[in-house]
Amino acid sequence: MTCTRCNGLMVADDLIDLQESYLPMWMRGWRCIACGNIVDPLIQRHRTGQRAGALDAVHAGQVFATWPRPAKAA
């Protein structure tokens, strides 16, 4: 697996979650050995949801309708 930030090598890592109580305290994640980027199941779920929401907005024409149009050159 490669890192989405730097294309470095991602290795499996055991992560501890000290703040959230609804997830297991220990979880398996991925850590980049080059830049330190961490991906765990919760991060992956949020990124997947954001991508799906962004694609739905693009397909519905909402994103392009809100962008300011450049002024026409005279």
Protein backbone atom coordinates (compact mmCIF):
# COMPACT_ATOMS: atom_id res chain seq x y z
CA MET A 1 0.00 0.00 0.00
CA THR A 2 1.28 3.49 -0.79
CA CYS A 3 0.70 6.76 1.06
CA THR A 4 -1.83 9.17 -0.45
CA ARG A 5 0.33 12.15 0.58
CA CYS A 6 3.85 11.18 -0.45
CA ASN A 7 3.54 7.78 -2.19
CA GLY A 8 5.74 6.32 0.55
CA LEU A 9 5.45 2.84 2.02
CA MET A 10 2.52 2.27 4.40
CA VAL A 11 3.00 -0.33 7.13
CA ALA A 12 0.41 -1.92 9.42
CA ASP A 13 0.45 -0.39 12.90
CA ASP A 14 -1.48 -0.95 16.13
CA LEU A 15 -3.05 2.35 17.19
CA ILE A 16 -4.52 3.29 20.56
CA ASP A 17 -7.52 5.60 20.84
CA LEU A 18 -7.59 7.45 24.15
CA GLN A 19 -10.40 9.94 23.43
CA GLU A 20 -13.23 8.12 21.68
CA SER A 21 -15.18 5.57 23.67
CA TYR A 22 -17.50 4.18 20.97
CA LEU A 23 -14.65 2.50 19.05
CA PRO A 24 -12.34 -0.19 20.36
CA MET A 25 -9.42 1.22 22.29
CA TRP A 26 -6.91 -0.65 20.11
CA MET A 27 -7.31 -0.72 16.37
CA ARG A 28 -5.24 -1.68 13.37
CA GLY A 29 -4.25 1.13 11.05
CA TRP A 30 -1.68 2.07 8.45
CA ARG A 31 1.26 4.46 8.97
CA CYS A 32 3.58 5.88 6.32
CA ILE A 33 7.22 5.35 7.19
CA ALA A 34 8.25 8.37 5.10
CA CYS A 35 5.90 11.16 6.24
CA GLY A 36 4.00 9.66 9.21
CA ASN A 37 0.54 9.86 7.63
CA ILE A 38 -1.91 7.62 9.54
CA VAL A 39 -5.02 5.97 8.13
CA ASP A 40 -7.33 4.00 10.41
CA PRO A 41 -10.85 2.63 9.82
CA LEU A 42 -12.54 5.84 11.05
CA ILE A 43 -10.40 8.10 8.87
CA GLN A 44 -11.04 5.86 5.87
CA ARG A 45 -14.82 5.91 6.50
CA HIS A 46 -14.85 9.73 6.67
CA ARG A 47 -12.76 10.10 3.50
CA THR A 48 -15.02 7.68 1.63
CA GLY A 49 -18.09 9.64 2.74
CA GLN A 50 -16.56 12.96 1.71
CA ARG A 51 -15.65 11.64 -1.73
CA ALA A 52 -19.15 10.24 -2.23
CA GLY A 53 -20.73 13.55 -1.17
CA ALA A 54 -18.42 15.56 -3.44
CA LEU A 55 -19.15 13.32 -6.42
CA ASP A 56 -22.91 13.59 -5.80
CA ALA A 57 -22.62 17.39 -5.76
CA VAL A 58 -20.62 17.43 -9.00
CA HIS A 59 -23.06 15.11 -10.75
CA ALA A 60 -25.98 17.26 -9.57
CA GLY A 61 -24.31 20.41 -10.93
CA GLN A 62 -24.20 22.07 -7.52
CA VAL A 63 -20.45 22.66 -7.44
CA PHE A 64 -20.12 24.32 -10.81
CA ALA A 65 -23.24 26.44 -10.30
CA THR A 66 -21.71 28.06 -7.21
CA TRP A 67 -18.31 28.90 -8.65
CA PRO A 68 -17.89 32.54 -9.73
CA ARG A 69 -17.69 32.92 -13.46
CA PRO A 70 -14.68 34.81 -14.87
CA ALA A 71 -15.39 38.23 -16.34
CA LYS A 72 -15.51 38.38 -20.13
CA ALA A 73 -12.60 40.17 -21.78
CA ALA A 74 -13.58 43.27 -23.70
